[in-house]
Amino acid sequence: DSADGSTGWADVSGATFTQVVAAVSLQSLSLNTRG
């Protein structure tokens, strides 16, 4: 996330998908915009 959409990008806590390797993958993450 970023405050202005161009600088200061930082990882959102808990917002990482499971690593994809040599198999098809369909995943979802629930995020809260308030945080």
ModelCIF file with pLDDT and N, C-alpha, C, O atoms, coordinates in Angstrom:
data_MODEL
#
_entry.id   MODEL 
#
_entity.id                         1 
_entity.type                       polymer 
_entity.pdbx_number_of_molecules   1 
#
_entity_poly.entity_id                      1 
_entity_poly.type                           'polypeptide(L)' 
_entity_poly.nstd_linkage                   no 
_entity_poly.nstd_monomer                   no 
_entity_poly.pdbx_seq_one_letter_code       DSADGSTGWADVSGATFTQVVAAVSLQSLSLNTRG 
_entity_poly.pdbx_seq_one_letter_code_can   DSADGSTGWADVSGATFTQVVAAVSLQSLSLNTRG 
_entity_poly.pdbx_strand_id                 A 
#
loop_
_entity_poly_seq.entity_id 
_entity_poly_seq.num 
_entity_poly_seq.mon_id 
_entity_poly_seq.hetero 
1 1  ASP n 
1 2  SER n 
1 3  ALA n 
1 4  ASP n 
1 5  GLY n 
1 6  SER n 
1 7  THR n 
1 8  GLY n 
1 9  TRP n 
1 10 ALA n 
1 11 ASP n 
1 12 VAL n 
1 13 SER n 
1 14 GLY n 
1 15 ALA n 
1 16 THR n 
1 17 PHE n 
1 18 THR n 
1 19 GLN n 
1 20 VAL n 
1 21 VAL n 
1 22 ALA n 
1 23 ALA n 
1 24 VAL n 
1 25 SER n 
1 26 LEU n 
1 27 GLN n 
1 28 SER n 
1 29 LEU n 
1 30 SER n 
1 31 LEU n 
1 32 ASN n 
1 33 THR n 
1 34 ARG n 
1 35 GLY n 
#
_struct_asym.id          A 
_struct_asym.entity_id   1 
#
loop_
_ma_qa_metric.id 
_ma_qa_metric.mode 
_ma_qa_metric.name 
_ma_qa_metric.software_group_id 
_ma_qa_metric.type 
1 global pLDDT . pLDDT 
2 local  pLDDT . pLDDT 
#
_ma_qa_metric_global.metric_id      1 
_ma_qa_metric_global.metric_value   95.66 
_ma_qa_metric_global.model_id       1 
_ma_qa_metric_global.ordinal_id     1 
#
loop_
_ma_qa_metric_local.label_asym_id 
_ma_qa_metric_local.label_comp_id 
_ma_qa_metric_local.label_seq_id 
_ma_qa_metric_local.metric_id 
_ma_qa_metric_local.metric_value 
_ma_qa_metric_local.model_id 
_ma_qa_metric_local.ordinal_id 
A ASP 1  2 98.00 1 1  
A SER 2  2 98.00 1 2  
A ALA 3  2 98.00 1 3  
A ASP 4  2 97.00 1 4  
A GLY 5  2 97.00 1 5  
A SER 6  2 96.00 1 6  
A THR 7  2 97.00 1 7  
A GLY 8  2 97.00 1 8  
A TRP 9  2 98.00 1 9  
A ALA 10 2 98.00 1 10 
A ASP 11 2 98.00 1 11 
A VAL 12 2 97.00 1 12 
A SER 13 2 95.00 1 13 
A GLY 14 2 94.00 1 14 
A ALA 15 2 97.00 1 15 
A THR 16 2 98.00 1 16 
A PHE 17 2 98.00 1 17 
A THR 18 2 97.00 1 18 
A GLN 19 2 97.00 1 19 
A VAL 20 2 96.00 1 20 
A VAL 21 2 94.00 1 21 
A ALA 22 2 87.00 1 22 
A ALA 23 2 92.00 1 23 
A VAL 24 2 95.00 1 24 
A SER 25 2 96.00 1 25 
A LEU 26 2 97.00 1 26 
A GLN 27 2 98.00 1 27 
A SER 28 2 97.00 1 28 
A LEU 29 2 97.00 1 29 
A SER 30 2 95.00 1 30 
A LEU 31 2 95.00 1 31 
A ASN 32 2 93.00 1 32 
A THR 33 2 93.00 1 33 
A ARG 34 2 90.00 1 34 
A GLY 35 2 88.00 1 35 
#
loop_
_atom_site.group_PDB 
_atom_site.id 
_atom_site.type_symbol 
_atom_site.label_atom_id 
_atom_site.label_alt_id 
_atom_site.label_comp_id 
_atom_site.label_asym_id 
_atom_site.label_entity_id 
_atom_site.label_seq_id 
_atom_site.pdbx_PDB_ins_code 
_atom_site.Cartn_x 
_atom_site.Cartn_y 
_atom_site.Cartn_z 
_atom_site.occupancy 
_atom_site.B_iso_or_equiv 
_atom_site.pdbx_formal_charge 
_atom_site.auth_seq_id 
_atom_site.auth_comp_id 
_atom_site.auth_asym_id 
_atom_site.auth_atom_id 
_atom_site.pdbx_PDB_model_num 
ATOM 1   N N  . ASP A 1 1  ? 0.826   -1.203  0.000   1.00 98.00 ? 1  ASP A N  1 
ATOM 2   C CA . ASP A 1 1  ? 0.000   0.000   0.000   1.00 98.00 ? 1  ASP A CA 1 
ATOM 3   C C  . ASP A 1 1  ? 0.865   1.261   0.000   1.00 98.00 ? 1  ASP A C  1 
ATOM 4   O O  . ASP A 1 1  ? 2.053   1.227   0.322   1.00 98.00 ? 1  ASP A O  1 
ATOM 5   N N  . SER A 1 2  ? 0.229   2.371   -0.372  1.00 98.00 ? 2  SER A N  1 
ATOM 6   C CA . SER A 1 2  ? 0.905   3.662   -0.482  1.00 98.00 ? 2  SER A CA 1 
ATOM 7   C C  . SER A 1 2  ? -0.119  4.763   -0.264  1.00 98.00 ? 2  SER A C  1 
ATOM 8   O O  . SER A 1 2  ? -1.285  4.613   -0.628  1.00 98.00 ? 2  SER A O  1 
ATOM 9   N N  . ALA A 1 3  ? 0.306   5.852   0.321   1.00 98.00 ? 3  ALA A N  1 
ATOM 10  C CA . ALA A 1 3  ? -0.592  6.990   0.555   1.00 98.00 ? 3  ALA A CA 1 
ATOM 11  C C  . ALA A 1 3  ? -0.917  7.742   -0.736  1.00 98.00 ? 3  ALA A C  1 
ATOM 12  O O  . ALA A 1 3  ? -2.022  8.264   -0.886  1.00 98.00 ? 3  ALA A O  1 
ATOM 13  N N  . ASP A 1 4  ? 0.046   7.802   -1.676  1.00 97.00 ? 4  ASP A N  1 
ATOM 14  C CA . ASP A 1 4  ? -0.166  8.596   -2.887  1.00 97.00 ? 4  ASP A CA 1 
ATOM 15  C C  . ASP A 1 4  ? -0.183  7.790   -4.183  1.00 97.00 ? 4  ASP A C  1 
ATOM 16  O O  . ASP A 1 4  ? -0.401  8.362   -5.251  1.00 97.00 ? 4  ASP A O  1 
ATOM 17  N N  . GLY A 1 5  ? 0.041   6.487   -4.119  1.00 97.00 ? 5  GLY A N  1 
ATOM 18  C CA . GLY A 1 5  ? -0.004  5.641   -5.299  1.00 97.00 ? 5  GLY A CA 1 
ATOM 19  C C  . GLY A 1 5  ? 1.244   5.665   -6.160  1.00 97.00 ? 5  GLY A C  1 
ATOM 20  O O  . GLY A 1 5  ? 1.271   5.051   -7.227  1.00 97.00 ? 5  GLY A O  1 
ATOM 21  N N  . SER A 1 6  ? 2.294   6.377   -5.706  1.00 96.00 ? 6  SER A N  1 
ATOM 22  C CA . SER A 1 6  ? 3.517   6.393   -6.501  1.00 96.00 ? 6  SER A CA 1 
ATOM 23  C C  . SER A 1 6  ? 4.791   6.234   -5.670  1.00 96.00 ? 6  SER A C  1 
ATOM 24  O O  . SER A 1 6  ? 5.816   5.799   -6.194  1.00 96.00 ? 6  SER A O  1 
ATOM 25  N N  . THR A 1 7  ? 4.739   6.576   -4.400  1.00 97.00 ? 7  THR A N  1 
ATOM 26  C CA . THR A 1 7  ? 5.919   6.468   -3.546  1.00 97.00 ? 7  THR A CA 1 
ATOM 27  C C  . THR A 1 7  ? 5.536   5.840   -2.208  1.00 97.00 ? 7  THR A C  1 
ATOM 28  O O  . THR A 1 7  ? 4.357   5.714   -1.876  1.00 97.00 ? 7  THR A O  1 
ATOM 29  N N  . GLY A 1 8  ? 6.564   5.447   -1.446  1.00 97.00 ? 8  GLY A N  1 
ATOM 30  C CA . GLY A 1 8  ? 6.340   4.947   -0.100  1.00 97.00 ? 8  GLY A CA 1 
ATOM 31  C C  . GLY A 1 8  ? 5.614   3.624   -0.019  1.00 97.00 ? 8  GLY A C  1 
ATOM 32  O O  . GLY A 1 8  ? 4.902   3.373   0.954   1.00 97.00 ? 8  GLY A O  1 
ATOM 33  N N  . TRP A 1 9  ? 5.777   2.762   -1.024  1.00 98.00 ? 9  TRP A N  1 
ATOM 34  C CA . TRP A 1 9  ? 5.100   1.465   -1.024  1.00 98.00 ? 9  TRP A CA 1 
ATOM 35  C C  . TRP A 1 9  ? 5.637   0.605   0.107   1.00 98.00 ? 9  TRP A C  1 
ATOM 36  O O  . TRP A 1 9  ? 6.848   0.539   0.320   1.00 98.00 ? 9  TRP A O  1 
ATOM 37  N N  . ALA A 1 10 ? 4.734   -0.061  0.840   1.00 98.00 ? 10 ALA A N  1 
ATOM 38  C CA . ALA A 1 10 ? 5.116   -0.951  1.942   1.00 98.00 ? 10 ALA A CA 1 
ATOM 39  C C  . ALA A 1 10 ? 4.223   -2.180  1.920   1.00 98.00 ? 10 ALA A C  1 
ATOM 40  O O  . ALA A 1 10 ? 3.061   -2.107  1.519   1.00 98.00 ? 10 ALA A O  1 
ATOM 41  N N  . ASP A 1 11 ? 4.771   -3.312  2.351   1.00 98.00 ? 11 ASP A N  1 
ATOM 42  C CA . ASP A 1 11 ? 3.999   -4.547  2.408   1.00 98.00 ? 11 ASP A CA 1 
ATOM 43  C C  . ASP A 1 11 ? 2.844   -4.415  3.394   1.00 98.00 ? 11 ASP A C  1 
ATOM 44  O O  . ASP A 1 11 ? 3.014   -3.871  4.485   1.00 98.00 ? 11 ASP A O  1 
ATOM 45  N N  . VAL A 1 12 ? 1.671   -4.910  3.011   1.00 97.00 ? 12 VAL A N  1 
ATOM 46  C CA . VAL A 1 12 ? 0.511   -4.956  3.898   1.00 97.00 ? 12 VAL A CA 1 
ATOM 47  C C  . VAL A 1 12 ? 0.638   -6.226  4.731   1.00 97.00 ? 12 VAL A C  1 
ATOM 48  O O  . VAL A 1 12 ? 0.793   -7.319  4.185   1.00 97.00 ? 12 VAL A O  1 
ATOM 49  N N  . SER A 1 13 ? 0.572   -6.082  6.037   1.00 95.00 ? 13 SER A N  1 
ATOM 50  C CA . SER A 1 13 ? 0.711   -7.223  6.946   1.00 95.00 ? 13 SER A CA 1 
ATOM 51  C C  . SER A 1 13 ? -0.326  -8.302  6.637   1.00 95.00 ? 13 SER A C  1 
ATOM 52  O O  . SER A 1 13 ? -1.521  -8.021  6.550   1.00 95.00 ? 13 SER A O  1 
ATOM 53  N N  . GLY A 1 14 ? 0.144   -9.536  6.474   1.00 94.00 ? 14 GLY A N  1 
ATOM 54  C CA . GLY A 1 14 ? -0.749  -10.663 6.225   1.00 94.00 ? 14 GLY A CA 1 
ATOM 55  C C  . GLY A 1 14 ? -1.293  -10.747 4.811   1.00 94.00 ? 14 GLY A C  1 
ATOM 56  O O  . GLY A 1 14 ? -2.159  -11.578 4.539   1.00 94.00 ? 14 GLY A O  1 
ATOM 57  N N  . ALA A 1 15 ? -0.806  -9.905  3.898   1.00 97.00 ? 15 ALA A N  1 
ATOM 58  C CA . ALA A 1 15 ? -1.342  -9.874  2.535   1.00 97.00 ? 15 ALA A CA 1 
ATOM 59  C C  . ALA A 1 15 ? -0.369  -10.496 1.540   1.00 97.00 ? 15 ALA A C  1 
ATOM 60  O O  . ALA A 1 15 ? 0.052   -9.860  0.574   1.00 97.00 ? 15 ALA A O  1 
ATOM 61  N N  . THR A 1 16 ? -0.023  -11.753 1.802   1.00 98.00 ? 16 THR A N  1 
ATOM 62  C CA . THR A 1 16 ? 0.870   -12.503 0.928   1.00 98.00 ? 16 THR A CA 1 
ATOM 63  C C  . THR A 1 16 ? 0.192   -13.808 0.538   1.00 98.00 ? 16 THR A C  1 
ATOM 64  O O  . THR A 1 16 ? -0.263  -14.560 1.399   1.00 98.00 ? 16 THR A O  1 
ATOM 65  N N  . PHE A 1 17 ? 0.126   -14.073 -0.760  1.00 98.00 ? 17 PHE A N  1 
ATOM 66  C CA . PHE A 1 17 ? -0.431  -15.321 -1.242  1.00 98.00 ? 17 PHE A CA 1 
ATOM 67  C C  . PHE A 1 17 ? 0.572   -16.448 -1.003  1.00 98.00 ? 17 PHE A C  1 
ATOM 68  O O  . PHE A 1 17 ? 1.774   -16.205 -0.889  1.00 98.00 ? 17 PHE A O  1 
ATOM 69  N N  . THR A 1 18 ? 0.073   -17.678 -0.930  1.00 97.00 ? 18 THR A N  1 
ATOM 70  C CA . THR A 1 18 ? 0.943   -18.850 -0.840  1.00 97.00 ? 18 THR A CA 1 
ATOM 71  C C  . THR A 1 18 ? 1.763   -18.947 -2.117  1.00 97.00 ? 18 THR A C  1 
ATOM 72  O O  . THR A 1 18 ? 1.245   -18.728 -3.212  1.00 97.00 ? 18 THR A O  1 
ATOM 73  N N  . GLN A 1 19 ? 3.044   -19.274 -1.977  1.00 97.00 ? 19 GLN A N  1 
ATOM 74  C CA . GLN A 1 19 ? 3.934   -19.362 -3.130  1.00 97.00 ? 19 GLN A CA 1 
ATOM 75  C C  . GLN A 1 19 ? 3.378   -20.327 -4.179  1.00 97.00 ? 19 GLN A C  1 
ATOM 76  O O  . GLN A 1 19 ? 2.912   -21.418 -3.848  1.00 97.00 ? 19 GLN A O  1 
ATOM 77  N N  . VAL A 1 20 ? 3.432   -19.916 -5.437  1.00 96.00 ? 20 VAL A N  1 
ATOM 78  C CA . VAL A 1 20 ? 2.988   -20.744 -6.556  1.00 96.00 ? 20 VAL A CA 1 
ATOM 79  C C  . VAL A 1 20 ? 4.223   -21.404 -7.166  1.00 96.00 ? 20 VAL A C  1 
ATOM 80  O O  . VAL A 1 20 ? 5.255   -20.758 -7.351  1.00 96.00 ? 20 VAL A O  1 
ATOM 81  N N  . VAL A 1 21 ? 4.108   -22.703 -7.479  1.00 94.00 ? 21 VAL A N  1 
ATOM 82  C CA . VAL A 1 21 ? 5.227   -23.433 -8.085  1.00 94.00 ? 21 VAL A CA 1 
ATOM 83  C C  . VAL A 1 21 ? 4.756   -24.073 -9.388  1.00 94.00 ? 21 VAL A C  1 
ATOM 84  O O  . VAL A 1 21 ? 4.276   -23.368 -10.275 1.00 94.00 ? 21 VAL A O  1 
ATOM 85  N N  . ALA A 1 22 ? 4.880   -25.357 -9.520  1.00 87.00 ? 22 ALA A N  1 
ATOM 86  C CA . ALA A 1 22 ? 4.553   -26.036 -10.779 1.00 87.00 ? 22 ALA A CA 1 
ATOM 87  C C  . ALA A 1 22 ? 3.143   -26.614 -10.777 1.00 87.00 ? 22 ALA A C  1 
ATOM 88  O O  . ALA A 1 22 ? 2.931   -27.710 -11.296 1.00 87.00 ? 22 ALA A O  1 
ATOM 89  N N  . ALA A 1 23 ? 2.180   -25.907 -10.208 1.00 92.00 ? 23 ALA A N  1 
ATOM 90  C CA . ALA A 1 23 ? 0.787   -26.361 -10.195 1.00 92.00 ? 23 ALA A CA 1 
ATOM 91  C C  . ALA A 1 23 ? -0.134  -25.157 -10.391 1.00 92.00 ? 23 ALA A C  1 
ATOM 92  O O  . ALA A 1 23 ? 0.213   -24.031 -10.032 1.00 92.00 ? 23 ALA A O  1 
ATOM 93  N N  . VAL A 1 24 ? -1.295  -25.406 -10.956 1.00 95.00 ? 24 VAL A N  1 
ATOM 94  C CA . VAL A 1 24 ? -2.305  -24.366 -11.118 1.00 95.00 ? 24 VAL A CA 1 
ATOM 95  C C  . VAL A 1 24 ? -2.696  -23.851 -9.735  1.00 95.00 ? 24 VAL A C  1 
ATOM 96  O O  . VAL A 1 24 ? -2.742  -24.624 -8.779  1.00 95.00 ? 24 VAL A O  1 
ATOM 97  N N  . SER A 1 25 ? -2.977  -22.550 -9.620  1.00 96.00 ? 25 SER A N  1 
ATOM 98  C CA . SER A 1 25 ? -3.312  -21.976 -8.321  1.00 96.00 ? 25 SER A CA 1 
ATOM 99  C C  . SER A 1 25 ? -4.451  -20.965 -8.447  1.00 96.00 ? 25 SER A C  1 
ATOM 100 O O  . SER A 1 25 ? -4.465  -20.139 -9.359  1.00 96.00 ? 25 SER A O  1 
ATOM 101 N N  . LEU A 1 26 ? -5.397  -21.043 -7.523  1.00 97.00 ? 26 LEU A N  1 
ATOM 102 C CA . LEU A 1 26 ? -6.467  -20.055 -7.386  1.00 97.00 ? 26 LEU A CA 1 
ATOM 103 C C  . LEU A 1 26 ? -6.567  -19.754 -5.901  1.00 97.00 ? 26 LEU A C  1 
ATOM 104 O O  . LEU A 1 26 ? -6.917  -20.622 -5.102  1.00 97.00 ? 26 LEU A O  1 
ATOM 105 N N  . GLN A 1 27 ? -6.255  -18.503 -5.538  1.00 98.00 ? 27 GLN A N  1 
ATOM 106 C CA . GLN A 1 27 ? -6.215  -18.121 -4.122  1.00 98.00 ? 27 GLN A CA 1 
ATOM 107 C C  . GLN A 1 27 ? -6.912  -16.790 -3.909  1.00 98.00 ? 27 GLN A C  1 
ATOM 108 O O  . GLN A 1 27 ? -7.059  -15.995 -4.837  1.00 98.00 ? 27 GLN A O  1 
ATOM 109 N N  . SER A 1 28 ? -7.341  -16.557 -2.670  1.00 97.00 ? 28 SER A N  1 
ATOM 110 C CA . SER A 1 28 ? -7.900  -15.252 -2.328  1.00 97.00 ? 28 SER A CA 1 
ATOM 111 C C  . SER A 1 28 ? -7.412  -14.827 -0.947  1.00 97.00 ? 28 SER A C  1 
ATOM 112 O O  . SER A 1 28 ? -7.132  -15.656 -0.082  1.00 97.00 ? 28 SER A O  1 
ATOM 113 N N  . LEU A 1 29 ? -7.318  -13.527 -0.771  1.00 97.00 ? 29 LEU A N  1 
ATOM 114 C CA . LEU A 1 29 ? -6.963  -12.929 0.519   1.00 97.00 ? 29 LEU A CA 1 
ATOM 115 C C  . LEU A 1 29 ? -8.080  -11.980 0.918   1.00 97.00 ? 29 LEU A C  1 
ATOM 116 O O  . LEU A 1 29 ? -8.589  -11.231 0.084   1.00 97.00 ? 29 LEU A O  1 
ATOM 117 N N  . SER A 1 30 ? -8.464  -12.006 2.190   1.00 95.00 ? 30 SER A N  1 
ATOM 118 C CA . SER A 1 30 ? -9.413  -11.023 2.709   1.00 95.00 ? 30 SER A CA 1 
ATOM 119 C C  . SER A 1 30 ? -8.613  -9.882  3.319   1.00 95.00 ? 30 SER A C  1 
ATOM 120 O O  . SER A 1 30 ? -7.726  -10.103 4.143   1.00 95.00 ? 30 SER A O  1 
ATOM 121 N N  . LEU A 1 31 ? -8.934  -8.664  2.908   1.00 95.00 ? 31 LEU A N  1 
ATOM 122 C CA . LEU A 1 31 ? -8.234  -7.478  3.396   1.00 95.00 ? 31 LEU A CA 1 
ATOM 123 C C  . LEU A 1 31 ? -9.254  -6.469  3.908   1.00 95.00 ? 31 LEU A C  1 
ATOM 124 O O  . LEU A 1 31 ? -10.401 -6.462  3.461   1.00 95.00 ? 31 LEU A O  1 
ATOM 125 N N  . ASN A 1 32 ? -8.844  -5.626  4.836   1.00 93.00 ? 32 ASN A N  1 
ATOM 126 C CA . ASN A 1 32 ? -9.722  -4.592  5.353   1.00 93.00 ? 32 ASN A CA 1 
ATOM 127 C C  . ASN A 1 32 ? -9.187  -3.232  4.935   1.00 93.00 ? 32 ASN A C  1 
ATOM 128 O O  . ASN A 1 32 ? -8.078  -2.856  5.315   1.00 93.00 ? 32 ASN A O  1 
ATOM 129 N N  . THR A 1 33 ? -9.966  -2.494  4.157   1.00 93.00 ? 33 THR A N  1 
ATOM 130 C CA . THR A 1 33 ? -9.524  -1.197  3.652   1.00 93.00 ? 33 THR A CA 1 
ATOM 131 C C  . THR A 1 33 ? -9.270  -0.202  4.780   1.00 93.00 ? 33 THR A C  1 
ATOM 132 O O  . THR A 1 33 ? -8.494  0.737   4.607   1.00 93.00 ? 33 THR A O  1 
ATOM 133 N N  . ARG A 1 34 ? -9.897  -0.388  5.904   1.00 90.00 ? 34 ARG A N  1 
ATOM 134 C CA . ARG A 1 34 ? -9.726  0.550   7.021   1.00 90.00 ? 34 ARG A CA 1 
ATOM 135 C C  . ARG A 1 34 ? -8.326  0.479   7.624   1.00 90.00 ? 34 ARG A C  1 
ATOM 136 O O  . ARG A 1 34 ? -7.891  1.410   8.302   1.00 90.00 ? 34 ARG A O  1 
ATOM 137 N N  . GLY A 1 35 ? -7.621  -0.624  7.378   1.00 88.00 ? 35 GLY A N  1 
ATOM 138 C CA . GLY A 1 35 ? -6.273  -0.779  7.918   1.00 88.00 ? 35 GLY A CA 1 
ATOM 139 C C  . GLY A 1 35 ? -5.182  -0.494  6.907   1.00 88.00 ? 35 GLY A C  1 
ATOM 140 O O  . GLY A 1 35 ? -3.999  -0.589  7.232   1.00 88.00 ? 35 GLY A O  1 
#
